[in-house]
C-alpha atoms as a PDB file:
ATOM      1  CA  MET A   1       0.000   0.000   0.000  1.00  0.00           C
ATOM      2  CA  GLU A   2       1.381   3.363  -0.994  1.00  0.00           C
ATOM      3  CA  LYS A   3       1.702   6.244   1.416  1.00  0.00           C
ATOM      4  CA  ALA A   4      -1.145   8.198  -0.239  1.00  0.00           C
ATOM      5  CA  GLU A   5      -3.446   5.151  -0.150  1.00  0.00           C
ATOM      6  CA  PHE A   6      -2.645   4.662   3.523  1.00  0.00           C
ATOM      7  CA  LYS A   7      -3.457   8.292   4.324  1.00  0.00           C
ATOM      8  CA  ASN A   8      -6.754   8.037   2.408  1.00  0.00           C
ATOM      9  CA  ALA A   9      -7.674   4.839   4.236  1.00  0.00           C
ATOM     10  CA  LEU A  10      -6.881   6.478   7.560  1.00  0.00           C
ATOM     11  CA  LYS A  11      -9.105   9.471   6.757  1.00  0.00           C
ATOM     12  CA  VAL A  12     -11.987   7.193   5.764  1.00  0.00           C
ATOM     13  CA  LYS A  13     -11.514   5.153   8.954  1.00  0.00           C
ATOM     14  CA  GLN A  14     -11.704   8.333  11.020  1.00  0.00           C
ATOM     15  CA  VAL A  15     -14.973   9.293   9.322  1.00  0.00           C
ATOM     16  CA  ALA A  16     -16.417   5.798   9.849  1.00  0.00           C
ATOM     17  CA  ASP A  17     -15.382   5.859  13.514  1.00  0.00           C
ATOM     18  CA  THR A  18     -16.961   9.266  14.039  1.00  0.00           C
ATOM     19  CA  MET A  19     -20.192   8.080  12.418  1.00  0.00           C
ATOM     20  CA  ALA A  20     -20.191   4.971  14.644  1.00  0.00           C
ATOM     21  CA  ILE A  21     -19.996   7.150  17.753  1.00  0.00           C
ATOM     22  CA  GLU A  22     -23.335   8.605  16.646  1.00  0.00           C
ATOM     23  CA  ASP A  23     -24.773   5.081  16.027  1.00  0.00           C
ATOM     24  CA  MET A  24     -24.604   5.562  12.265  1.00  0.00           C
ATOM     25  CA  TYR A  25     -22.719   2.613  10.836  1.00  0.00           C
ATOM     26  CA  LEU A  26     -21.389   2.554   7.276  1.00  0.00           C
ATOM     27  CA  ASP A  27     -21.534  -0.577   5.144  1.00  0.00           C
ATOM     28  CA  ARG A  28     -18.626  -1.917   3.090  1.00  0.00           C
ATOM     29  CA  GLU A  29     -20.068  -0.579  -0.153  1.00  0.00           C
ATOM     30  CA  PHE A  30     -20.241   2.993   1.167  1.00  0.00           C
ATOM     31  CA  ILE A  31     -16.759   2.777   2.663  1.00  0.00           C
ATOM     32  CA  SER A  32     -15.368   1.613  -0.684  1.00  0.00           C
ATOM     33  CA  LYS A  33     -17.074   4.566  -2.367  1.00  0.00           C
ATOM     34  CA  MET A  34     -15.571   6.915   0.215  1.00  0.00           C
ATOM     35  CA  LEU A  35     -12.146   5.480  -0.628  1.00  0.00           C
ATOM     36  CA  LYS A  36     -12.836   6.248  -4.294  1.00  0.00           C
ATOM     37  CA  VAL A  37     -13.691   9.843  -3.349  1.00  0.00           C
ATOM     38  CA  ALA A  38     -10.494  10.103  -1.290  1.00  0.00           C
ATOM     39  CA  SER A  39      -8.424   8.833  -4.219  1.00  0.00           C
ATOM     40  CA  GLY A  40     -10.151  11.101  -6.738  1.00  0.00           C
ATOM     41  CA  GLU A  41     -11.891   8.344  -8.736  1.00  0.00           C
ATOM     42  CA  LEU A  42     -15.332   9.656  -7.708  1.00  0.00           C
ATOM     43  CA  SER A  43     -16.360  13.178  -6.786  1.00  0.00           C
ATOM     44  CA  SER A  44     -18.049  13.948  -3.506  1.00  0.00           C
ATOM     45  CA  ASP A  45     -20.966  15.442  -5.444  1.00  0.00           C
ATOM     46  CA  GLU A  46     -21.451  12.166  -7.326  1.00  0.00           C
ATOM     47  CA  LEU A  47     -21.458  10.201  -4.065  1.00  0.00           C
ATOM     48  CA  ARG A  48     -23.835  12.695  -2.488  1.00  0.00           C
ATOM     49  CA  GLN A  49     -26.223  12.330  -5.430  1.00  0.00           C
ATOM     50  CA  GLU A  50     -26.095   8.530  -5.161  1.00  0.00           C
ATOM     51  CA  VAL A  51     -27.005   8.728  -1.480  1.00  0.00           C
ATOM     52  CA  LEU A  52     -29.849  11.143  -2.166  1.00  0.00           C
ATOM     53  CA  ASN A  53     -31.218   8.942  -4.960  1.00  0.00           C
ATOM     54  CA  ARG A  54     -31.049   5.878  -2.747  1.00  0.00           C
ATOM     55  CA  TYR A  55     -32.490   7.293   0.469  1.00  0.00           C
ATOM     56  CA  ALA A  56     -34.648  10.260  -0.569  1.00  0.00           C
ATOM     57  CA  ARG A  57     -38.329   9.858   0.074  1.00  0.00           C
END
């Protein structure tokens, strides 16, 4: 694992841990998408839109 990948994984872990403190647990699929955002493969706006499409009422 490269240094940049490690830093991205650490940032995503910190977000997941913070969410867990608030009893909001992230599934593997969402965590993998967050890693894609951290690496630049996916934009945060694209991920946000996916979440809104999936969970909007």
